[in-house]
Amino acid sequence: MPRTHAIPPDQTRRFLEPGPVVLLSTAHKGERGIMTLGWHMMLGYDLVGTYIWSSNRSHALARASRECVLNLPTADMLDTVVRIGNSSSADADKFERFGLTAVDGSDIDAPGIGECHARFECRLHETRITADYPLFVWRVVAAHAARRPKWPRTVHYRGDGQFM
């Protein structure tokens, strides 16, 4: 049996992070955005909840357009994922800045990212935006994934700038 010791409650996410880091892409009135996102959760077979901080430009684009693409990057994209997360869509078009291929959606107007293993096109199902917690609930309306590898090496954030 492992020996445990007390840790600060704010370190819980290091152990319970819900899944792989995704790149959320949005667009509205000619402006595109991409953000690195680790705070998401499955709420049903086709429902995904995301926490998008209101200070992120992607928050405004997602609210206005009511759609997004959840793009699944692989481990070979880690440097790009980190650089996207450390920059603002308000400063530059991240597709151009990071040399990413914008892929037209099949059911929505927001672009996907061609270099990612999978893309999940989403429409806003509902929001639960309070002063502290901007929760978006998305319905996946179309999904696209590479056939190989079946189980890609994805990126998971462990906190404190550490990934696995």
N, C-alpha and C. Protein backbone atom coordinates (compact mmCIF):
# COMPACT_ATOMS: atom_id res chain seq x y z
N MET A 1 0.85 -1.16 0.00
CA MET A 1 0.00 0.00 0.00
C MET A 1 0.91 1.24 0.00
N PRO A 2 0.62 2.23 -0.89
CA PRO A 2 1.47 3.42 -0.93
C PRO A 2 1.27 4.30 0.31
N ARG A 3 2.36 4.87 0.76
CA ARG A 3 2.28 5.81 1.88
C ARG A 3 1.90 7.16 1.30
N THR A 4 0.93 7.81 1.90
CA THR A 4 0.50 9.12 1.42
C THR A 4 0.84 10.18 2.45
N HIS A 5 0.84 11.41 2.01
CA HIS A 5 1.06 12.53 2.91
C HIS A 5 0.15 13.68 2.48
N ALA A 6 -0.10 14.59 3.37
CA ALA A 6 -0.98 15.72 3.08
C ALA A 6 -0.37 16.63 2.03
N ILE A 7 -1.21 17.11 1.13
CA ILE A 7 -0.80 18.08 0.13
C ILE A 7 -1.83 19.20 0.12
N PRO A 8 -1.48 20.37 -0.40
CA PRO A 8 -2.46 21.46 -0.48
C PRO A 8 -3.59 21.08 -1.44
N PRO A 9 -4.82 21.39 -1.08
CA PRO A 9 -5.96 21.05 -1.94
C PRO A 9 -5.84 21.63 -3.35
N ASP A 10 -5.14 22.76 -3.51
CA ASP A 10 -5.04 23.34 -4.85
C ASP A 10 -4.13 22.53 -5.78
N GLN A 11 -3.53 21.45 -5.28
CA GLN A 11 -2.73 20.56 -6.13
C GLN A 11 -3.53 19.35 -6.62
N THR A 12 -4.81 19.31 -6.30
CA THR A 12 -5.66 18.19 -6.69
C THR A 12 -5.61 17.95 -8.20
N ARG A 13 -5.62 19.03 -8.98
CA ARG A 13 -5.67 18.87 -10.43
C ARG A 13 -4.48 18.11 -10.99
N ARG A 14 -3.35 18.13 -10.30
CA ARG A 14 -2.19 17.36 -10.77
C ARG A 14 -2.52 15.88 -10.87
N PHE A 15 -3.45 15.42 -10.05
CA PHE A 15 -3.80 14.01 -9.99
C PHE A 15 -5.08 13.68 -10.75
N LEU A 16 -5.99 14.64 -10.86
CA LEU A 16 -7.30 14.37 -11.45
C LEU A 16 -7.54 15.08 -12.77
N GLU A 17 -6.49 15.64 -13.37
CA GLU A 17 -6.66 16.32 -14.65
C GLU A 17 -7.51 15.44 -15.55
N PRO A 18 -8.56 16.01 -16.15
CA PRO A 18 -9.56 15.18 -16.82
C PRO A 18 -9.12 14.47 -18.09
N GLY A 19 -8.11 14.93 -18.75
CA GLY A 19 -7.76 14.26 -19.98
C GLY A 19 -6.71 15.04 -20.75
N PRO A 20 -6.59 14.75 -22.02
CA PRO A 20 -5.54 15.38 -22.80
C PRO A 20 -5.79 16.87 -23.00
N VAL A 21 -4.71 17.60 -23.14
CA VAL A 21 -4.80 19.00 -23.50
C VAL A 21 -5.36 19.07 -24.91
N VAL A 22 -6.25 20.02 -25.15
CA VAL A 22 -6.79 20.23 -26.49
C VAL A 22 -6.48 21.66 -26.93
N LEU A 23 -6.61 21.90 -28.21
CA LEU A 23 -6.52 23.25 -28.75
C LEU A 23 -7.93 23.63 -29.20
N LEU A 24 -8.50 24.63 -28.56
CA LEU A 24 -9.84 25.07 -28.89
C LEU A 24 -9.71 26.19 -29.93
N SER A 25 -10.33 25.99 -31.08
CA SER A 25 -10.29 27.02 -32.12
C SER A 25 -11.69 27.59 -32.32
N THR A 26 -11.71 28.89 -32.55
CA THR A 26 -12.97 29.62 -32.72
C THR A 26 -12.80 30.65 -33.83
N ALA A 27 -13.92 31.19 -34.29
CA ALA A 27 -13.89 32.27 -35.26
C ALA A 27 -15.20 33.04 -35.17
N HIS A 28 -15.09 34.36 -35.40
CA HIS A 28 -16.30 35.19 -35.44
C HIS A 28 -15.97 36.47 -36.21
N LYS A 29 -16.81 36.77 -37.20
CA LYS A 29 -16.67 37.98 -38.01
C LYS A 29 -15.25 38.20 -38.52
N GLY A 30 -14.65 37.15 -39.08
CA GLY A 30 -13.34 37.25 -39.69
C GLY A 30 -12.16 37.13 -38.74
N GLU A 31 -12.41 37.05 -37.45
CA GLU A 31 -11.32 36.89 -36.48
C GLU A 31 -11.28 35.43 -36.03
N ARG A 32 -10.06 34.85 -36.02
CA ARG A 32 -9.89 33.46 -35.58
C ARG A 32 -9.09 33.44 -34.29
N GLY A 33 -9.31 32.42 -33.50
CA GLY A 33 -8.56 32.26 -32.27
C GLY A 33 -8.26 30.80 -32.00
N ILE A 34 -7.15 30.58 -31.30
CA ILE A 34 -6.80 29.24 -30.81
C ILE A 34 -6.31 29.41 -29.38
N MET A 35 -6.76 28.55 -28.51
CA MET A 35 -6.24 28.55 -27.15
C MET A 35 -5.93 27.13 -26.72
N THR A 36 -4.93 27.00 -25.85
CA THR A 36 -4.60 25.72 -25.24
C THR A 36 -5.54 25.54 -24.06
N LEU A 37 -6.14 24.36 -23.96
CA LEU A 37 -7.19 24.13 -22.96
C LEU A 37 -7.00 22.78 -22.28
N GLY A 38 -6.87 22.79 -20.98
CA GLY A 38 -6.77 21.55 -20.21
C GLY A 38 -8.00 21.32 -19.35
N TRP A 39 -8.79 22.36 -19.16
CA TRP A 39 -9.95 22.24 -18.28
C TRP A 39 -11.20 21.94 -19.10
N HIS A 40 -11.42 20.65 -19.30
CA HIS A 40 -12.60 20.20 -20.03
C HIS A 40 -13.03 18.86 -19.45
N MET A 41 -14.27 18.50 -19.73
CA MET A 41 -14.79 17.23 -19.20
C MET A 41 -15.92 16.73 -20.07
N MET A 42 -16.00 15.43 -20.20
CA MET A 42 -17.12 14.82 -20.89
C MET A 42 -18.33 14.88 -19.97
N LEU A 43 -19.46 15.29 -20.51
CA LEU A 43 -20.70 15.37 -19.73
C LEU A 43 -21.74 14.40 -20.25
N GLY A 44 -21.45 13.75 -21.33
CA GLY A 44 -22.33 12.79 -21.97
C GLY A 44 -21.61 12.27 -23.19
N TYR A 45 -22.28 11.46 -23.99
CA TYR A 45 -21.62 10.89 -25.16
C TYR A 45 -21.23 11.95 -26.19
N ASP A 46 -22.02 13.02 -26.26
CA ASP A 46 -21.72 14.07 -27.24
C ASP A 46 -21.71 15.46 -26.61
N LEU A 47 -21.58 15.53 -25.29
CA LEU A 47 -21.52 16.82 -24.60
C LEU A 47 -20.18 16.97 -23.90
N VAL A 48 -19.57 18.14 -24.08
CA VAL A 48 -18.27 18.43 -23.48
C VAL A 48 -18.37 19.77 -22.76
N GLY A 49 -17.93 19.81 -21.52
CA GLY A 49 -17.88 21.07 -20.78
C GLY A 49 -16.47 21.63 -20.83
N THR A 50 -16.35 22.95 -21.02
CA THR A 50 -15.05 23.60 -21.02
C THR A 50 -15.10 24.82 -20.11
N TYR A 51 -14.01 25.04 -19.42
CA TYR A 51 -13.83 26.25 -18.63
C TYR A 51 -12.95 27.18 -19.45
N ILE A 52 -13.51 28.31 -19.89
CA ILE A 52 -12.75 29.28 -20.68
C ILE A 52 -12.77 30.59 -19.93
N TRP A 53 -11.64 30.94 -19.39
CA TRP A 53 -11.51 32.16 -18.60
C TRP A 53 -11.95 33.36 -19.42
N SER A 54 -12.71 34.26 -18.80
CA SER A 54 -13.28 35.40 -19.52
C SER A 54 -12.23 36.36 -20.07
N SER A 55 -11.01 36.35 -19.55
CA SER A 55 -9.96 37.24 -20.07
C SER A 55 -9.32 36.72 -21.36
N ASN A 56 -9.58 35.45 -21.70
CA ASN A 56 -9.04 34.90 -22.95
C ASN A 56 -9.87 35.43 -24.12
N ARG A 57 -9.20 35.81 -25.20
CA ARG A 57 -9.91 36.29 -26.39
C ARG A 57 -10.85 35.20 -26.91
N SER A 58 -10.46 33.95 -26.77
CA SER A 58 -11.31 32.84 -27.24
C SER A 58 -12.65 32.80 -26.52
N HIS A 59 -12.71 33.27 -25.29
CA HIS A 59 -13.98 33.33 -24.56
C HIS A 59 -14.98 34.19 -25.32
N ALA A 60 -14.55 35.39 -25.70
CA ALA A 60 -15.45 36.30 -26.43
C ALA A 60 -15.84 35.73 -27.79
N LEU A 61 -14.86 35.13 -28.50
CA LEU A 61 -15.16 34.56 -29.81
C LEU A 61 -16.14 33.39 -29.69
N ALA A 62 -15.95 32.55 -28.69
CA ALA A 62 -16.85 31.40 -28.49
C ALA A 62 -18.26 31.85 -28.10
N ARG A 63 -18.35 32.85 -27.26
CA ARG A 63 -19.68 33.36 -26.87
C ARG A 63 -20.40 33.96 -28.04
N ALA A 64 -19.67 34.73 -28.85
CA ALA A 64 -20.29 35.40 -29.98
C ALA A 64 -20.69 34.44 -31.09
N SER A 65 -19.82 33.48 -31.40
CA SER A 65 -20.09 32.56 -32.51
C SER A 65 -20.94 31.36 -32.10
N ARG A 66 -20.89 31.01 -30.81
CA ARG A 66 -21.62 29.87 -30.27
C ARG A 66 -21.16 28.55 -30.89
N GLU A 67 -19.87 28.50 -31.29
CA GLU A 67 -19.30 27.27 -31.81
C GLU A 67 -17.80 27.27 -31.64
N CYS A 68 -17.23 26.05 -31.70
CA CYS A 68 -15.78 25.90 -31.59
C CYS A 68 -15.40 24.54 -32.15
N VAL A 69 -14.09 24.34 -32.27
CA VAL A 69 -13.57 23.02 -32.59
C VAL A 69 -12.61 22.64 -31.47
N LEU A 70 -12.78 21.45 -30.92
CA LEU A 70 -11.83 20.90 -29.96
C LEU A 70 -10.88 20.02 -30.76
N ASN A 71 -9.63 20.45 -30.87
CA ASN A 71 -8.61 19.78 -31.66
C ASN A 71 -7.70 19.00 -30.73
N LEU A 72 -7.42 17.75 -31.08
CA LEU A 72 -6.59 16.89 -30.25
C LEU A 72 -5.16 16.83 -30.80
N PRO A 73 -4.23 17.59 -30.19
CA PRO A 73 -2.84 17.53 -30.64
C PRO A 73 -2.14 16.29 -30.08
N THR A 74 -1.06 15.91 -30.74
CA THR A 74 -0.27 14.79 -30.25
C THR A 74 1.02 15.32 -29.62
N ALA A 75 1.74 14.43 -28.97
CA ALA A 75 2.93 14.81 -28.20
C ALA A 75 3.98 15.51 -29.06
N ASP A 76 4.06 15.19 -30.34
CA ASP A 76 5.05 15.85 -31.20
C ASP A 76 4.72 17.33 -31.41
N MET A 77 3.55 17.77 -31.01
CA MET A 77 3.15 19.17 -31.12
C MET A 77 3.33 19.93 -29.81
N LEU A 78 3.96 19.32 -28.81
CA LEU A 78 4.03 19.91 -27.48
C LEU A 78 4.58 21.34 -27.48
N ASP A 79 5.66 21.60 -28.20
CA ASP A 79 6.21 22.96 -28.21
C ASP A 79 5.20 23.96 -28.74
N THR A 80 4.49 23.60 -29.79
CA THR A 80 3.47 24.49 -30.36
C THR A 80 2.32 24.67 -29.38
N VAL A 81 1.89 23.61 -28.73
CA VAL A 81 0.81 23.68 -27.75
C VAL A 81 1.18 24.67 -26.64
N VAL A 82 2.40 24.59 -26.14
CA VAL A 82 2.85 25.48 -25.07
C VAL A 82 2.93 26.92 -25.57
N ARG A 83 3.49 27.12 -26.76
CA ARG A 83 3.61 28.48 -27.30
C ARG A 83 2.24 29.09 -27.56
N ILE A 84 1.29 28.31 -28.03
CA ILE A 84 -0.07 28.81 -28.22
C ILE A 84 -0.65 29.26 -26.87
N GLY A 85 -0.42 28.43 -25.84
CA GLY A 85 -0.94 28.76 -24.52
C GLY A 85 -0.30 29.98 -23.88
N ASN A 86 0.90 30.33 -24.34
CA ASN A 86 1.61 31.48 -23.78
C ASN A 86 1.49 32.72 -24.64
N SER A 87 0.53 32.74 -25.56
CA SER A 87 0.31 33.92 -26.40
C SER A 87 -1.17 34.20 -26.50
N SER A 88 -1.50 35.38 -26.99
CA SER A 88 -2.90 35.80 -27.07
C SER A 88 -3.37 35.88 -28.51
N SER A 89 -4.58 35.42 -28.76
CA SER A 89 -5.20 35.55 -30.08
C SER A 89 -5.49 37.02 -30.38
N ALA A 90 -5.56 37.85 -29.37
CA ALA A 90 -5.80 39.28 -29.59
C ALA A 90 -4.60 39.94 -30.26
N ASP A 91 -3.41 39.35 -30.11
CA ASP A 91 -2.18 39.95 -30.65
C ASP A 91 -1.89 39.53 -32.08
N ALA A 92 -2.28 38.33 -32.47
CA ALA A 92 -1.97 37.82 -33.81
C ALA A 92 -2.83 36.60 -34.12
N ASP A 93 -3.00 36.33 -35.41
CA ASP A 93 -3.70 35.13 -35.84
C ASP A 93 -2.78 33.94 -35.55
N LYS A 94 -3.17 33.07 -34.64
CA LYS A 94 -2.30 31.97 -34.24
C LYS A 94 -2.13 30.91 -35.33
N PHE A 95 -3.09 30.79 -36.24
CA PHE A 95 -2.90 29.86 -37.36
C PHE A 95 -1.67 30.31 -38.15
N GLU A 96 -1.60 31.60 -38.46
CA GLU A 96 -0.46 32.13 -39.22
C GLU A 96 0.81 32.12 -38.38
N ARG A 97 0.71 32.59 -37.15
CA ARG A 97 1.89 32.71 -36.29
C ARG A 97 2.60 31.37 -36.10
N PHE A 98 1.83 30.28 -35.96
CA PHE A 98 2.43 28.98 -35.66
C PHE A 98 2.42 28.03 -36.86
N GLY A 99 2.10 28.55 -38.04
CA GLY A 99 2.16 27.74 -39.26
C GLY A 99 1.18 26.58 -39.26
N LEU A 100 -0.02 26.79 -38.73
CA LEU A 100 -1.02 25.73 -38.65
C LEU A 100 -2.00 25.83 -39.81
N THR A 101 -2.49 24.69 -40.24
CA THR A 101 -3.43 24.61 -41.36
C THR A 101 -4.86 24.73 -40.84
N ALA A 102 -5.57 25.77 -41.29
CA ALA A 102 -6.98 25.92 -40.93
C ALA A 102 -7.81 25.02 -41.84
N VAL A 103 -8.59 24.12 -41.24
CA VAL A 103 -9.42 23.18 -41.97
C VAL A 103 -10.88 23.61 -41.81
N ASP A 104 -11.57 23.76 -42.94
CA ASP A 104 -12.98 24.14 -42.87
C ASP A 104 -13.78 23.07 -42.14
N GLY A 105 -14.72 23.52 -41.33
CA GLY A 105 -15.60 22.60 -40.65
C GLY A 105 -16.62 22.01 -41.61
N SER A 106 -17.10 20.83 -41.29
CA SER A 106 -18.14 20.22 -42.13
C SER A 106 -19.53 20.68 -41.71
N ASP A 107 -19.68 21.08 -40.43
CA ASP A 107 -20.99 21.48 -39.91
C ASP A 107 -21.00 22.87 -39.27
N ILE A 108 -19.84 23.46 -39.05
CA ILE A 108 -19.77 24.76 -38.39
C ILE A 108 -18.78 25.66 -39.14
N ASP A 109 -18.77 26.94 -38.78
CA ASP A 109 -17.89 27.90 -39.45
C ASP A 109 -16.51 27.99 -38.82
N ALA A 110 -16.34 27.60 -37.57
CA ALA A 110 -15.02 27.67 -36.92
C ALA A 110 -14.06 26.71 -37.59
N PRO A 111 -12.81 27.12 -37.79
CA PRO A 111 -11.84 26.23 -38.43
C PRO A 111 -11.24 25.23 -37.46
N GLY A 112 -10.93 24.05 -37.97
CA GLY A 112 -10.18 23.08 -37.20
C GLY A 112 -8.70 23.24 -37.52
N ILE A 113 -7.87 22.44 -36.86
CA ILE A 113 -6.42 22.49 -37.05
C ILE A 113 -6.00 21.20 -37.73
N GLY A 114 -5.52 21.32 -38.96
CA GLY A 114 -5.19 20.15 -39.77
C GLY A 114 -4.11 19.26 -39.20
N GLU A 115 -3.18 19.82 -38.43
CA GLU A 115 -2.07 19.04 -37.88
C GLU A 115 -2.49 18.17 -36.69
N CYS A 116 -3.68 18.34 -36.18
CA CYS A 116 -4.12 17.57 -35.01
C CYS A 116 -4.66 16.20 -35.40
N HIS A 117 -4.55 15.25 -34.49
CA HIS A 117 -4.98 13.87 -34.72
C HIS A 117 -6.49 13.78 -34.90
N ALA A 118 -7.23 14.62 -34.17
CA ALA A 118 -8.69 14.59 -34.25
C ALA A 118 -9.25 16.00 -34.08
N ARG A 119 -10.45 16.21 -34.64
CA ARG A 119 -11.16 17.47 -34.52
C ARG A 119 -12.61 17.18 -34.18
N PHE A 120 -13.13 17.91 -33.20
CA PHE A 120 -14.51 17.73 -32.77
C PHE A 120 -15.23 19.07 -32.91
N GLU A 121 -16.10 19.16 -33.89
CA GLU A 121 -16.84 20.39 -34.15
C GLU A 121 -17.99 20.48 -33.16
N CYS A 122 -18.12 21.64 -32.54
CA CYS A 122 -19.10 21.79 -31.46
C CYS A 122 -19.96 23.04 -31.64
N ARG A 123 -21.21 22.90 -31.22
CA ARG A 123 -22.12 24.05 -31.10
C ARG A 123 -22.46 24.22 -29.62
N LEU A 124 -22.63 25.46 -29.25
CA LEU A 124 -22.94 25.75 -27.85
C LEU A 124 -24.29 25.16 -27.47
N HIS A 125 -24.31 24.36 -26.44
CA HIS A 125 -25.54 23.75 -25.93
C HIS A 125 -26.13 24.64 -24.84
N GLU A 126 -25.26 25.08 -23.92
CA GLU A 126 -25.67 26.01 -22.87
C GLU A 126 -24.44 26.56 -22.17
N THR A 127 -24.63 27.62 -21.42
CA THR A 127 -23.54 28.19 -20.63
C THR A 127 -23.98 28.28 -19.18
N ARG A 128 -23.00 28.23 -18.33
CA ARG A 128 -23.18 28.45 -16.90
C ARG A 128 -22.08 29.43 -16.51
N ILE A 129 -22.30 30.67 -16.83
CA ILE A 129 -21.27 31.67 -16.59
C ILE A 129 -21.64 32.48 -15.35
N THR A 130 -20.83 32.31 -14.32
CA THR A 130 -20.98 33.08 -13.10
C THR A 130 -19.78 34.02 -13.03
N ALA A 131 -19.69 34.79 -11.98
CA ALA A 131 -18.56 35.71 -11.83
C ALA A 131 -17.23 34.95 -11.76
N ASP A 132 -17.26 33.73 -11.25
CA ASP A 132 -16.02 32.97 -11.05
C ASP A 132 -15.83 31.82 -12.02
N TYR A 133 -16.90 31.27 -12.60
CA TYR A 133 -16.78 30.05 -13.37
C TYR A 133 -17.51 30.13 -14.70
N PRO A 134 -16.76 30.46 -15.77
CA PRO A 134 -17.38 30.48 -17.11
C PRO A 134 -17.36 29.09 -17.74
N LEU A 135 -18.43 28.33 -17.53
CA LEU A 135 -18.53 26.98 -18.06
C LEU A 135 -19.36 26.97 -19.33
N PHE A 136 -18.76 26.48 -20.41
CA PHE A 136 -19.45 26.31 -21.68
C PHE A 136 -19.76 24.83 -21.84
N VAL A 137 -20.97 24.51 -22.22
CA VAL A 137 -21.34 23.12 -22.50
C VAL A 137 -21.58 23.03 -24.00
N TRP A 138 -20.77 22.20 -24.66
CA TRP A 138 -20.79 22.05 -26.11
C TRP A 138 -21.38 20.72 -26.53
N ARG A 139 -22.12 20.73 -27.63
CA ARG A 139 -22.58 19.48 -28.24
C ARG A 139 -21.71 19.22 -29.46
N VAL A 140 -21.10 18.05 -29.52
CA VAL A 140 -20.29 17.68 -30.68
C VAL A 140 -21.26 17.36 -31.82
N VAL A 141 -21.12 18.09 -32.92
CA VAL A 141 -22.01 17.89 -34.07
C VAL A 141 -21.33 17.18 -35.23
N ALA A 142 -20.00 17.13 -35.20
CA ALA A 142 -19.23 16.40 -36.22
C ALA A 142 -17.87 16.07 -35.62
N ALA A 143 -17.35 14.91 -35.97
CA ALA A 143 -16.05 14.47 -35.44
C ALA A 143 -15.22 13.87 -36.57
N HIS A 144 -13.92 14.17 -36.52
CA HIS A 144 -12.99 13.68 -37.54
C HIS A 144 -11.73 13.22 -36.82
N ALA A 145 -11.22 12.04 -37.15
CA ALA A 145 -10.01 11.52 -36.51
C ALA A 145 -9.19 10.72 -37.51
N ALA A 146 -7.87 10.76 -37.32
CA ALA A 146 -6.98 9.94 -38.13
C ALA A 146 -7.21 8.47 -37.78
N ARG A 147 -7.02 7.60 -38.75
CA ARG A 147 -7.20 6.16 -38.49
C ARG A 147 -6.04 5.58 -37.69
N ARG A 148 -4.84 6.15 -37.88
CA ARG A 148 -3.65 5.64 -37.20
C ARG A 148 -2.86 6.78 -36.62
N PRO A 149 -2.23 6.59 -35.50
CA PRO A 149 -2.37 5.40 -34.66
C PRO A 149 -3.71 5.40 -33.94
N LYS A 150 -4.16 4.22 -33.59
CA LYS A 150 -5.45 4.11 -32.90
C LYS A 150 -5.40 4.83 -31.56
N TRP A 151 -4.29 4.71 -30.85
CA TRP A 151 -4.11 5.36 -29.55
C TRP A 151 -2.92 6.32 -29.65
N PRO A 152 -3.15 7.55 -30.10
CA PRO A 152 -2.04 8.50 -30.26
C PRO A 152 -1.46 8.92 -28.92
N ARG A 153 -0.21 9.34 -28.95
CA ARG A 153 0.44 9.90 -27.75
C ARG A 153 -0.06 11.32 -27.59
N THR A 154 -0.90 11.55 -26.59
CA THR A 154 -1.47 12.86 -26.35
C THR A 154 -0.72 13.57 -25.25
N VAL A 155 -1.04 14.84 -25.06
CA VAL A 155 -0.37 15.69 -24.08
C VAL A 155 -1.28 15.87 -22.87
N HIS A 156 -0.71 15.68 -21.69
CA HIS A 156 -1.48 15.87 -20.45
C HIS A 156 -0.71 16.83 -19.55
N TYR A 157 -1.41 17.84 -19.06
CA TYR A 157 -0.76 18.84 -18.20
C TYR A 157 -0.82 18.40 -16.75
N ARG A 158 0.34 18.46 -16.07
CA ARG A 158 0.43 18.02 -14.68
C ARG A 158 0.50 19.20 -13.71
N GLY A 159 0.50 20.42 -14.21
CA GLY A 159 0.65 21.60 -13.36
C GLY A 159 2.12 22.00 -13.26
N ASP A 160 2.33 23.21 -12.78
CA ASP A 160 3.70 23.73 -12.59
C ASP A 160 4.56 23.64 -13.85
N GLY A 161 3.94 23.80 -15.03
CA GLY A 161 4.70 23.77 -16.27
C GLY A 161 5.17 22.39 -16.71
N GLN A 162 4.62 21.33 -16.11
CA GLN A 162 5.04 19.96 -16.41
C GLN A 162 3.96 19.23 -17.23
N PHE A 163 4.42 18.48 -18.21
CA PHE A 163 3.52 17.70 -19.07
C PHE A 163 3.94 16.24 -19.04
N MET A 164 3.01 15.37 -19.40
CA MET A 164 3.34 13.95 -19.58
C MET A 164 2.62 13.46 -20.81
